[in-house]
Amino acid sequence: MKKQRKYFAYMNYIAIFATSNREFFEALQNKERERNSLVS
């Protein structure tokens, strides 16, 4: 039971981190897309 609670806390942290850094992740994905289009 304790392990499950730890897992949920971890997932909650990930969700908060992802939403607060959404712009950063989107910019990162855009850079990846640009690099891929340059290669192909």
N, C-alpha and C. Protein backbone atom coordinates (compact mmCIF):
# COMPACT_ATOMS: atom_id res chain seq x y z
N MET A 1 0.84 -1.20 0.00
CA MET A 1 0.00 0.00 0.00
C MET A 1 0.88 1.26 0.00
N LYS A 2 1.95 1.23 0.78
CA LYS A 2 2.84 2.38 0.86
C LYS A 2 3.51 2.64 -0.50
N LYS A 3 3.87 1.55 -1.17
CA LYS A 3 4.52 1.68 -2.47
C LYS A 3 3.59 2.35 -3.48
N GLN A 4 2.30 1.96 -3.41
CA GLN A 4 1.31 2.54 -4.33
C GLN A 4 1.16 4.04 -4.08
N ARG A 5 1.15 4.43 -2.82
CA ARG A 5 1.02 5.85 -2.48
C ARG A 5 2.22 6.64 -3.02
N LYS A 6 3.39 6.04 -2.89
CA LYS A 6 4.61 6.66 -3.39
C LYS A 6 4.52 6.84 -4.90
N TYR A 7 3.98 5.83 -5.57
CA TYR A 7 3.82 5.88 -7.03
C TYR A 7 2.89 7.01 -7.43
N PHE A 8 1.77 7.15 -6.72
CA PHE A 8 0.82 8.22 -7.04
C PHE A 8 1.44 9.59 -6.80
N ALA A 9 2.22 9.72 -5.74
CA ALA A 9 2.88 10.99 -5.45
C ALA A 9 3.86 11.32 -6.57
N TYR A 10 4.55 10.31 -7.07
CA TYR A 10 5.50 10.48 -8.16
C TYR A 10 4.80 10.94 -9.43
N MET A 11 3.67 10.28 -9.75
CA MET A 11 2.90 10.63 -10.94
C MET A 11 2.36 12.05 -10.83
N ASN A 12 1.93 12.43 -9.62
CA ASN A 12 1.41 13.77 -9.38
C ASN A 12 2.51 14.80 -9.62
N TYR A 13 3.71 14.50 -9.15
CA TYR A 13 4.87 15.39 -9.35
C TYR A 13 5.17 15.55 -10.84
N ILE A 14 5.14 14.43 -11.56
CA ILE A 14 5.39 14.46 -13.00
C ILE A 14 4.35 15.33 -13.70
N ALA A 15 3.08 15.18 -13.33
CA ALA A 15 2.00 15.95 -13.95
C ALA A 15 2.19 17.44 -13.72
N ILE A 16 2.50 17.81 -12.49
CA ILE A 16 2.71 19.22 -12.15
C ILE A 16 3.92 19.77 -12.91
N PHE A 17 4.99 19.00 -12.93
CA PHE A 17 6.21 19.43 -13.63
C PHE A 17 5.93 19.62 -15.12
N ALA A 18 5.20 18.68 -15.72
CA ALA A 18 4.92 18.74 -17.15
C ALA A 18 4.06 19.95 -17.50
N THR A 19 3.04 20.23 -16.69
CA THR A 19 2.16 21.35 -16.99
C THR A 19 2.88 22.68 -16.81
N SER A 20 3.74 22.77 -15.80
CA SER A 20 4.44 24.02 -15.53
C SER A 20 5.54 24.27 -16.56
N ASN A 21 5.97 23.22 -17.23
CA ASN A 21 7.04 23.37 -18.22
C ASN A 21 6.57 23.01 -19.63
N ARG A 22 5.26 23.18 -19.86
CA ARG A 22 4.69 22.80 -21.16
C ARG A 22 5.33 23.59 -22.29
N GLU A 23 5.51 24.90 -22.08
CA GLU A 23 6.11 25.73 -23.13
C GLU A 23 7.51 25.25 -23.47
N PHE A 24 8.25 24.90 -22.42
CA PHE A 24 9.62 24.42 -22.61
C PHE A 24 9.63 23.14 -23.45
N PHE A 25 8.73 22.20 -23.10
CA PHE A 25 8.67 20.94 -23.82
C PHE A 25 8.24 21.15 -25.27
N GLU A 26 7.29 22.08 -25.48
CA GLU A 26 6.84 22.36 -26.84
C GLU A 26 7.96 22.94 -27.68
N ALA A 27 8.73 23.84 -27.09
CA ALA A 27 9.86 24.43 -27.80
C ALA A 27 10.88 23.35 -28.15
N LEU A 28 11.09 22.43 -27.22
CA LEU A 28 12.02 21.33 -27.44
C LEU A 28 11.56 20.46 -28.61
N GLN A 29 10.25 20.15 -28.63
CA GLN A 29 9.69 19.33 -29.70
C GLN A 29 9.79 20.04 -31.04
N ASN A 30 9.57 21.35 -31.03
CA ASN A 30 9.68 22.12 -32.28
C ASN A 30 11.10 22.07 -32.82
N LYS A 31 12.08 22.16 -31.92
CA LYS A 31 13.48 22.07 -32.33
C LYS A 31 13.78 20.71 -32.95
N GLU A 32 13.25 19.66 -32.32
CA GLU A 32 13.45 18.30 -32.84
C GLU A 32 12.87 18.19 -34.24
N ARG A 33 11.66 18.74 -34.42
CA ARG A 33 10.98 18.67 -35.71
C ARG A 33 11.78 19.40 -36.78
N GLU A 34 12.30 20.57 -36.43
CA GLU A 34 13.10 21.35 -37.38
C GLU A 34 14.35 20.58 -37.79
N ARG A 35 15.01 19.97 -36.79
CA ARG A 35 16.23 19.22 -37.07
C ARG A 35 15.93 18.01 -37.96
N ASN A 36 14.79 17.34 -37.69
CA ASN A 36 14.42 16.18 -38.49
C ASN A 36 14.11 16.58 -39.93
N SER A 37 13.45 17.73 -40.10
CA SER A 37 13.10 18.17 -41.45
C SER A 37 14.36 18.59 -42.21
N LEU A 38 15.36 19.08 -41.50
CA LEU A 38 16.62 19.45 -42.15
C LEU A 38 17.36 18.20 -42.63
N VAL A 39 17.29 17.14 -41.84
CA VAL A 39 18.00 15.90 -42.17
C VAL A 39 17.36 15.22 -43.37
N SER A 40 16.03 15.15 -43.39
CA SER A 40 15.34 14.41 -44.46
C SER A 40 15.23 15.20 -45.75
